[in-house]
Amino acid sequence: MEREDPRILTSDLIRDRFQASPFSWDVPGTWRTAENDQFSKFAWTTGASKRTRITISDLPSAAGLAPQFVRWGGQIGIKVEDPAEVMKLVEPLELKGASGQWIELAGASETILGMIVPYKEKLWVVKLRGENSEVAAVKAAFRGFCESWRAI
């Protein structure tokens, strides 16, 4: 009887298909693990109120960077007419084995800090959302978390 799929699965293929993330990182000790939402693979809360939320999710690379940043702006009341304008706010981050795109978006009452890492066929999305004053207090820790990312 012939096998259905004659491919030989390599460890890289298995890791890419079934691993939760192709990255490792250093989580600040003040963060607390939180329940994932329908999109996130990992989630934490931080800050004095424990309502500032950090999530990691992945999207197909075809989703594009600019549409994600425009969507984030809309979530906190920033209307973006031209996606090219929001891309002017993006700062490249060199990581170990990958490159990230960092952005800071501040609305009237909430801020989103984020990094998107294009890697293979996916965009790895790292996002922090919270009240402006609380985000200011945890920004350095979140930035350090993002800079700690390493491809494994």
N, C-alpha and C. Protein backbone atom coordinates (compact mmCIF):
# COMPACT_ATOMS: atom_id res chain seq x y z
N MET A 1 0.85 -1.18 0.00
CA MET A 1 0.00 0.00 0.00
C MET A 1 0.89 1.24 0.00
N GLU A 2 0.56 2.21 -0.81
CA GLU A 2 1.34 3.43 -0.94
C GLU A 2 0.95 4.43 0.14
N ARG A 3 1.96 5.13 0.66
CA ARG A 3 1.69 6.17 1.67
C ARG A 3 0.95 7.33 1.03
N GLU A 4 0.10 7.98 1.81
CA GLU A 4 -0.64 9.13 1.30
C GLU A 4 0.26 10.31 0.97
N ASP A 5 1.24 10.53 1.83
CA ASP A 5 2.12 11.68 1.65
C ASP A 5 3.56 11.21 1.75
N PRO A 6 4.26 11.14 0.63
CA PRO A 6 5.62 10.62 0.66
C PRO A 6 6.67 11.62 1.18
N ARG A 7 6.25 12.84 1.55
CA ARG A 7 7.23 13.82 2.04
C ARG A 7 7.88 13.35 3.33
N ILE A 8 9.10 13.72 3.49
CA ILE A 8 9.80 13.48 4.75
C ILE A 8 9.75 14.78 5.53
N LEU A 9 9.19 14.73 6.72
CA LEU A 9 9.07 15.94 7.53
C LEU A 9 10.38 16.22 8.25
N THR A 10 10.95 17.35 7.98
CA THR A 10 12.19 17.73 8.65
C THR A 10 11.86 18.42 9.97
N SER A 11 12.83 18.50 10.83
CA SER A 11 12.60 19.17 12.12
C SER A 11 12.23 20.63 11.92
N ASP A 12 12.81 21.31 10.92
CA ASP A 12 12.45 22.70 10.66
C ASP A 12 10.99 22.82 10.24
N LEU A 13 10.53 21.94 9.37
CA LEU A 13 9.15 21.98 8.92
C LEU A 13 8.20 21.71 10.08
N ILE A 14 8.52 20.75 10.89
CA ILE A 14 7.68 20.44 12.05
C ILE A 14 7.64 21.62 13.00
N ARG A 15 8.80 22.20 13.28
CA ARG A 15 8.85 23.36 14.19
C ARG A 15 8.04 24.52 13.62
N ASP A 16 8.20 24.82 12.33
CA ASP A 16 7.48 25.94 11.72
C ASP A 16 5.97 25.73 11.72
N ARG A 17 5.54 24.49 11.55
CA ARG A 17 4.11 24.21 11.45
C ARG A 17 3.43 24.12 12.82
N PHE A 18 4.11 23.56 13.82
CA PHE A 18 3.43 23.25 15.08
C PHE A 18 3.90 24.04 16.29
N GLN A 19 5.00 24.72 16.19
CA GLN A 19 5.50 25.48 17.33
C GLN A 19 4.65 26.73 17.54
N ALA A 20 4.40 27.09 18.78
CA ALA A 20 3.58 28.27 19.07
C ALA A 20 4.24 29.55 18.56
N SER A 21 5.56 29.62 18.62
CA SER A 21 6.29 30.80 18.14
C SER A 21 7.70 30.41 17.76
N PRO A 22 8.21 30.98 16.68
CA PRO A 22 9.61 30.72 16.31
C PRO A 22 10.59 31.65 17.03
N PHE A 23 10.13 32.30 18.09
CA PHE A 23 10.95 33.26 18.83
C PHE A 23 10.98 32.91 20.31
N SER A 24 11.99 33.38 20.98
CA SER A 24 12.01 33.38 22.44
C SER A 24 12.22 34.83 22.87
N TRP A 25 11.92 35.12 24.14
CA TRP A 25 11.99 36.50 24.64
C TRP A 25 12.10 36.47 26.15
N ASP A 26 12.39 37.63 26.72
CA ASP A 26 12.52 37.78 28.16
C ASP A 26 11.32 38.58 28.69
N VAL A 27 10.47 37.94 29.47
CA VAL A 27 9.26 38.58 30.00
C VAL A 27 9.61 39.29 31.31
N PRO A 28 9.27 40.58 31.42
CA PRO A 28 9.51 41.29 32.68
C PRO A 28 8.80 40.61 33.86
N GLY A 29 9.43 40.63 35.01
CA GLY A 29 8.89 39.97 36.20
C GLY A 29 7.60 40.57 36.72
N THR A 30 7.30 41.81 36.33
CA THR A 30 6.08 42.46 36.81
C THR A 30 4.85 42.10 35.98
N TRP A 31 5.05 41.43 34.84
CA TRP A 31 3.92 41.04 34.00
C TRP A 31 3.26 39.80 34.55
N ARG A 32 1.97 39.71 34.38
CA ARG A 32 1.20 38.54 34.81
C ARG A 32 0.55 37.89 33.59
N THR A 33 0.65 36.59 33.51
CA THR A 33 0.03 35.86 32.40
C THR A 33 -1.47 36.13 32.41
N ALA A 34 -2.04 36.35 31.23
CA ALA A 34 -3.47 36.63 31.08
C ALA A 34 -4.08 35.63 30.10
N GLU A 35 -5.39 35.61 30.07
CA GLU A 35 -6.09 34.74 29.14
C GLU A 35 -5.93 35.28 27.73
N ASN A 36 -5.72 34.37 26.78
CA ASN A 36 -5.66 34.78 25.38
C ASN A 36 -7.04 35.16 24.88
N ASP A 37 -7.07 36.08 23.92
CA ASP A 37 -8.33 36.36 23.24
C ASP A 37 -8.37 35.48 21.99
N GLN A 38 -9.31 35.73 21.10
CA GLN A 38 -9.46 34.86 19.93
C GLN A 38 -8.28 34.94 18.97
N PHE A 39 -7.46 35.98 19.06
CA PHE A 39 -6.35 36.14 18.13
C PHE A 39 -4.99 35.86 18.74
N SER A 40 -4.84 36.05 20.04
CA SER A 40 -3.50 35.99 20.64
C SER A 40 -3.04 34.57 20.94
N LYS A 41 -1.72 34.40 20.84
CA LYS A 41 -1.08 33.14 21.21
C LYS A 41 -0.52 33.24 22.64
N PHE A 42 -0.18 34.47 23.05
CA PHE A 42 0.35 34.75 24.38
C PHE A 42 -0.26 36.06 24.83
N ALA A 43 -0.47 36.21 26.15
CA ALA A 43 -1.03 37.46 26.68
C ALA A 43 -0.57 37.68 28.12
N TRP A 44 -0.37 38.94 28.46
CA TRP A 44 0.00 39.34 29.82
C TRP A 44 -0.74 40.63 30.15
N THR A 45 -0.77 40.95 31.44
CA THR A 45 -1.21 42.26 31.90
C THR A 45 -0.09 42.86 32.73
N THR A 46 -0.10 44.19 32.83
CA THR A 46 0.91 44.89 33.60
C THR A 46 0.36 46.23 34.04
N GLY A 47 1.17 46.98 34.77
CA GLY A 47 0.77 48.30 35.23
C GLY A 47 0.04 48.24 36.55
N ALA A 48 -0.14 49.39 37.16
CA ALA A 48 -0.77 49.48 38.47
C ALA A 48 -2.19 48.91 38.47
N SER A 49 -2.94 49.16 37.41
CA SER A 49 -4.33 48.68 37.34
C SER A 49 -4.43 47.23 36.85
N LYS A 50 -3.34 46.71 36.33
CA LYS A 50 -3.31 45.38 35.69
C LYS A 50 -4.27 45.29 34.51
N ARG A 51 -4.63 46.47 33.93
CA ARG A 51 -5.49 46.48 32.75
C ARG A 51 -4.71 46.77 31.47
N THR A 52 -3.46 47.14 31.59
CA THR A 52 -2.64 47.31 30.40
C THR A 52 -2.31 45.92 29.90
N ARG A 53 -2.62 45.68 28.64
CA ARG A 53 -2.57 44.33 28.09
C ARG A 53 -1.51 44.22 27.00
N ILE A 54 -0.75 43.13 27.05
CA ILE A 54 0.27 42.82 26.05
C ILE A 54 -0.17 41.52 25.38
N THR A 55 -0.15 41.51 24.06
CA THR A 55 -0.50 40.29 23.33
C THR A 55 0.51 40.02 22.23
N ILE A 56 0.64 38.73 21.90
CA ILE A 56 1.41 38.30 20.74
C ILE A 56 0.48 37.46 19.89
N SER A 57 0.42 37.79 18.61
CA SER A 57 -0.38 37.01 17.67
C SER A 57 0.38 36.92 16.35
N ASP A 58 -0.14 36.14 15.45
CA ASP A 58 0.47 36.07 14.13
C ASP A 58 -0.60 36.22 13.06
N LEU A 59 -0.17 36.75 11.94
CA LEU A 59 -1.04 36.96 10.79
C LEU A 59 -0.31 36.49 9.54
N PRO A 60 -1.02 36.21 8.48
CA PRO A 60 -0.33 35.94 7.22
C PRO A 60 0.43 37.20 6.78
N SER A 61 1.58 37.02 6.19
CA SER A 61 2.38 38.19 5.79
C SER A 61 1.63 39.08 4.80
N ALA A 62 0.69 38.50 4.05
CA ALA A 62 -0.08 39.29 3.09
C ALA A 62 -0.94 40.35 3.77
N ALA A 63 -1.14 40.25 5.08
CA ALA A 63 -1.94 41.24 5.81
C ALA A 63 -1.29 42.62 5.77
N GLY A 64 0.04 42.67 5.64
CA GLY A 64 0.74 43.94 5.50
C GLY A 64 0.91 44.71 6.80
N LEU A 65 1.99 45.48 6.86
CA LEU A 65 2.30 46.28 8.05
C LEU A 65 1.37 47.48 8.19
N ALA A 66 1.29 48.31 7.16
CA ALA A 66 0.53 49.56 7.26
C ALA A 66 -0.92 49.32 7.66
N PRO A 67 -1.62 48.34 7.09
CA PRO A 67 -3.02 48.14 7.52
C PRO A 67 -3.15 47.82 9.01
N GLN A 68 -2.17 47.13 9.57
CA GLN A 68 -2.23 46.81 11.01
C GLN A 68 -2.06 48.07 11.83
N PHE A 69 -1.10 48.92 11.47
CA PHE A 69 -0.87 50.15 12.20
C PHE A 69 -2.06 51.10 12.07
N VAL A 70 -2.66 51.16 10.90
CA VAL A 70 -3.86 52.00 10.70
C VAL A 70 -5.00 51.48 11.58
N ARG A 71 -5.19 50.17 11.61
CA ARG A 71 -6.24 49.55 12.44
C ARG A 71 -6.02 49.89 13.91
N TRP A 72 -4.74 49.79 14.38
CA TRP A 72 -4.44 50.12 15.77
C TRP A 72 -4.82 51.55 16.08
N GLY A 73 -4.46 52.47 15.17
CA GLY A 73 -4.83 53.87 15.38
C GLY A 73 -6.33 54.03 15.56
N GLY A 74 -7.10 53.35 14.73
CA GLY A 74 -8.56 53.40 14.83
C GLY A 74 -9.07 52.88 16.16
N GLN A 75 -8.38 51.90 16.73
CA GLN A 75 -8.80 51.32 18.02
C GLN A 75 -8.71 52.33 19.16
N ILE A 76 -7.83 53.34 19.00
CA ILE A 76 -7.68 54.34 20.07
C ILE A 76 -8.10 55.73 19.62
N GLY A 77 -8.88 55.80 18.55
CA GLY A 77 -9.46 57.06 18.12
C GLY A 77 -8.60 57.92 17.22
N ILE A 78 -7.56 57.36 16.63
CA ILE A 78 -6.73 58.11 15.68
C ILE A 78 -7.16 57.73 14.28
N LYS A 79 -7.70 58.70 13.55
CA LYS A 79 -8.13 58.45 12.18
C LYS A 79 -6.94 58.70 11.25
N VAL A 80 -6.60 57.70 10.49
CA VAL A 80 -5.48 57.81 9.55
C VAL A 80 -6.05 57.84 8.14
N GLU A 81 -5.84 58.95 7.45
CA GLU A 81 -6.33 59.10 6.08
C GLU A 81 -5.41 58.41 5.08
N ASP A 82 -4.10 58.50 5.32
CA ASP A 82 -3.12 57.97 4.39
C ASP A 82 -2.19 56.99 5.13
N PRO A 83 -2.23 55.71 4.78
CA PRO A 83 -1.36 54.74 5.47
C PRO A 83 0.13 55.10 5.39
N ALA A 84 0.54 55.82 4.35
CA ALA A 84 1.94 56.22 4.24
C ALA A 84 2.33 57.15 5.39
N GLU A 85 1.37 57.92 5.89
CA GLU A 85 1.65 58.83 7.00
C GLU A 85 1.96 58.06 8.28
N VAL A 86 1.19 57.00 8.56
CA VAL A 86 1.45 56.23 9.77
C VAL A 86 2.79 55.50 9.66
N MET A 87 3.19 55.12 8.46
CA MET A 87 4.47 54.43 8.29
C MET A 87 5.66 55.33 8.59
N LYS A 88 5.47 56.65 8.58
CA LYS A 88 6.54 57.58 8.95
C LYS A 88 6.86 57.50 10.44
N LEU A 89 5.95 56.94 11.22
CA LEU A 89 6.14 56.80 12.67
C LEU A 89 6.90 55.52 13.03
N VAL A 90 7.12 54.65 12.07
CA VAL A 90 7.71 53.34 12.31
C VAL A 90 9.23 53.44 12.43
N GLU A 91 9.76 52.74 13.42
CA GLU A 91 11.21 52.68 13.66
C GLU A 91 11.66 51.22 13.53
N PRO A 92 12.71 50.97 12.73
CA PRO A 92 13.20 49.58 12.63
C PRO A 92 13.91 49.16 13.91
N LEU A 93 13.71 47.89 14.29
CA LEU A 93 14.41 47.30 15.44
C LEU A 93 15.16 46.07 14.95
N GLU A 94 16.46 46.04 15.17
CA GLU A 94 17.23 44.85 14.82
C GLU A 94 17.19 43.87 15.98
N LEU A 95 16.71 42.69 15.70
CA LEU A 95 16.60 41.63 16.69
C LEU A 95 17.61 40.55 16.36
N LYS A 96 17.70 39.54 17.18
CA LYS A 96 18.60 38.42 16.90
C LYS A 96 17.90 37.46 15.95
N GLY A 97 18.30 37.49 14.67
CA GLY A 97 17.73 36.59 13.67
C GLY A 97 16.52 37.13 12.95
N ALA A 98 16.14 38.37 13.19
CA ALA A 98 14.98 38.97 12.52
C ALA A 98 15.03 40.49 12.68
N SER A 99 14.11 41.16 12.03
CA SER A 99 13.97 42.62 12.15
C SER A 99 12.54 42.95 12.51
N GLY A 100 12.37 43.87 13.43
CA GLY A 100 11.04 44.30 13.83
C GLY A 100 10.76 45.72 13.38
N GLN A 101 9.50 46.08 13.41
CA GLN A 101 9.06 47.43 13.10
C GLN A 101 8.29 47.95 14.32
N TRP A 102 8.84 48.96 14.99
CA TRP A 102 8.30 49.51 16.24
C TRP A 102 7.46 50.74 15.93
N ILE A 103 6.34 50.90 16.67
CA ILE A 103 5.50 52.09 16.51
C ILE A 103 4.90 52.47 17.86
N GLU A 104 4.67 53.78 18.03
CA GLU A 104 4.00 54.32 19.20
C GLU A 104 2.84 55.17 18.71
N LEU A 105 1.63 54.84 19.16
CA LEU A 105 0.43 55.59 18.78
C LEU A 105 -0.28 56.03 20.05
N ALA A 106 -0.42 57.36 20.24
CA ALA A 106 -1.08 57.88 21.44
C ALA A 106 -2.37 58.58 21.05
N GLY A 107 -3.48 58.09 21.58
CA GLY A 107 -4.78 58.72 21.39
C GLY A 107 -5.07 59.64 22.55
N ALA A 108 -6.28 60.12 22.63
CA ALA A 108 -6.67 61.05 23.69
C ALA A 108 -6.56 60.43 25.08
N SER A 109 -6.92 59.15 25.21
CA SER A 109 -6.87 58.52 26.53
C SER A 109 -6.09 57.21 26.56
N GLU A 110 -5.87 56.59 25.41
CA GLU A 110 -5.15 55.32 25.35
C GLU A 110 -3.97 55.40 24.40
N THR A 111 -2.98 54.56 24.69
CA THR A 111 -1.78 54.44 23.85
C THR A 111 -1.61 52.99 23.45
N ILE A 112 -1.13 52.80 22.22
CA ILE A 112 -0.70 51.48 21.76
C ILE A 112 0.77 51.58 21.40
N LEU A 113 1.56 50.69 21.97
CA LEU A 113 2.93 50.49 21.58
C LEU A 113 2.98 49.13 20.90
N GLY A 114 3.75 49.02 19.85
CA GLY A 114 3.77 47.73 19.19
C GLY A 114 4.99 47.49 18.34
N MET A 115 5.16 46.22 18.03
CA MET A 115 6.22 45.78 17.13
C MET A 115 5.63 44.69 16.25
N ILE A 116 5.93 44.76 14.97
CA ILE A 116 5.57 43.69 14.04
C ILE A 116 6.86 43.14 13.45
N VAL A 117 6.98 41.83 13.49
CA VAL A 117 8.18 41.15 12.99
C VAL A 117 7.78 40.26 11.80
N PRO A 118 8.14 40.67 10.58
CA PRO A 118 7.92 39.78 9.45
C PRO A 118 8.91 38.62 9.54
N TYR A 119 8.41 37.38 9.48
CA TYR A 119 9.28 36.22 9.61
C TYR A 119 8.66 35.06 8.85
N LYS A 120 9.40 34.61 7.85
CA LYS A 120 8.92 33.56 6.94
C LYS A 120 7.60 34.02 6.33
N GLU A 121 6.53 33.24 6.44
CA GLU A 121 5.27 33.64 5.81
C GLU A 121 4.31 34.34 6.76
N LYS A 122 4.81 34.82 7.91
CA LYS A 122 3.92 35.42 8.90
C LYS A 122 4.41 36.78 9.36
N LEU A 123 3.48 37.53 9.91
CA LEU A 123 3.78 38.74 10.66
C LEU A 123 3.52 38.41 12.12
N TRP A 124 4.54 38.55 12.95
CA TRP A 124 4.39 38.33 14.40
C TRP A 124 4.10 39.68 15.01
N VAL A 125 2.94 39.80 15.64
CA VAL A 125 2.41 41.07 16.13
C VAL A 125 2.51 41.11 17.65
N VAL A 126 3.24 42.10 18.16
CA VAL A 126 3.41 42.30 19.59
C VAL A 126 2.81 43.66 19.91
N LYS A 127 1.81 43.68 20.79
CA LYS A 127 1.06 44.91 21.01
C LYS A 127 0.79 45.12 22.49
N LEU A 128 0.99 46.34 22.94
CA LEU A 128 0.64 46.76 24.30
C LEU A 128 -0.39 47.87 24.16
N ARG A 129 -1.49 47.75 24.91
CA ARG A 129 -2.54 48.77 24.88
C ARG A 129 -2.97 49.09 26.30
N GLY A 130 -3.05 50.39 26.61
CA GLY A 130 -3.47 50.80 27.93
C GLY A 130 -3.71 52.29 28.02
N GLU A 131 -4.10 52.74 29.22
CA GLU A 131 -4.31 54.17 29.45
C GLU A 131 -2.98 54.89 29.31
N ASN A 132 -3.03 56.12 28.81
CA ASN A 132 -1.81 56.87 28.51
C ASN A 132 -0.82 56.91 29.67
N SER A 133 -1.29 57.25 30.87
CA SER A 133 -0.37 57.40 32.01
C SER A 133 0.25 56.05 32.39
N GLU A 134 -0.53 55.00 32.32
CA GLU A 134 0.00 53.69 32.68
C GLU A 134 1.00 53.18 31.65
N VAL A 135 0.71 53.43 30.37
CA VAL A 135 1.63 53.00 29.32
C VAL A 135 2.97 53.72 29.46
N ALA A 136 2.93 55.00 29.80
CA ALA A 136 4.17 55.75 30.00
C ALA A 136 5.05 55.09 31.07
N ALA A 137 4.41 54.57 32.11
CA ALA A 137 5.14 53.95 33.22
C ALA A 137 5.74 52.59 32.85
N VAL A 138 5.18 51.89 31.87
CA VAL A 138 5.66 50.54 31.53
C VAL A 138 6.36 50.49 30.16
N LYS A 139 6.48 51.63 29.51
CA LYS A 139 7.04 51.68 28.15
C LYS A 139 8.44 51.08 28.08
N ALA A 140 9.32 51.43 29.00
CA ALA A 140 10.71 50.94 28.94
C ALA A 140 10.76 49.42 29.07
N ALA A 141 9.93 48.86 29.94
CA ALA A 141 9.91 47.40 30.11
C ALA A 141 9.39 46.73 28.84
N PHE A 142 8.36 47.31 28.22
CA PHE A 142 7.82 46.73 26.99
C PHE A 142 8.83 46.82 25.86
N ARG A 143 9.49 47.95 25.75
CA ARG A 143 10.52 48.11 24.70
C ARG A 143 11.63 47.08 24.92
N GLY A 144 12.06 46.89 26.15
CA GLY A 144 13.07 45.88 26.46
C GLY A 144 12.61 44.48 26.09
N PHE A 145 11.34 44.17 26.35
CA PHE A 145 10.76 42.89 25.95
C PHE A 145 10.88 42.71 24.44
N CYS A 146 10.47 43.74 23.69
CA CYS A 146 10.54 43.65 22.22
C CYS A 146 11.98 43.47 21.75
N GLU A 147 12.90 44.21 22.32
CA GLU A 147 14.30 44.11 21.90
C GLU A 147 14.94 42.78 22.29
N SER A 148 14.32 42.05 23.22
CA SER A 148 14.87 40.75 23.65
C SER A 148 14.52 39.61 22.70
N TRP A 149 13.66 39.86 21.73
CA TRP A 149 13.22 38.79 20.82
C TRP A 149 14.39 38.17 20.06
N ARG A 150 14.38 36.82 20.01
CA ARG A 150 15.40 36.08 19.27
C ARG A 150 14.74 34.96 18.50
N ALA A 151 15.14 34.80 17.24
CA ALA A 151 14.64 33.67 16.45
C ALA A 151 15.28 32.40 17.00
N ILE A 152 14.49 31.33 17.11
CA ILE A 152 15.03 30.07 17.65
C ILE A 152 15.00 28.97 16.60
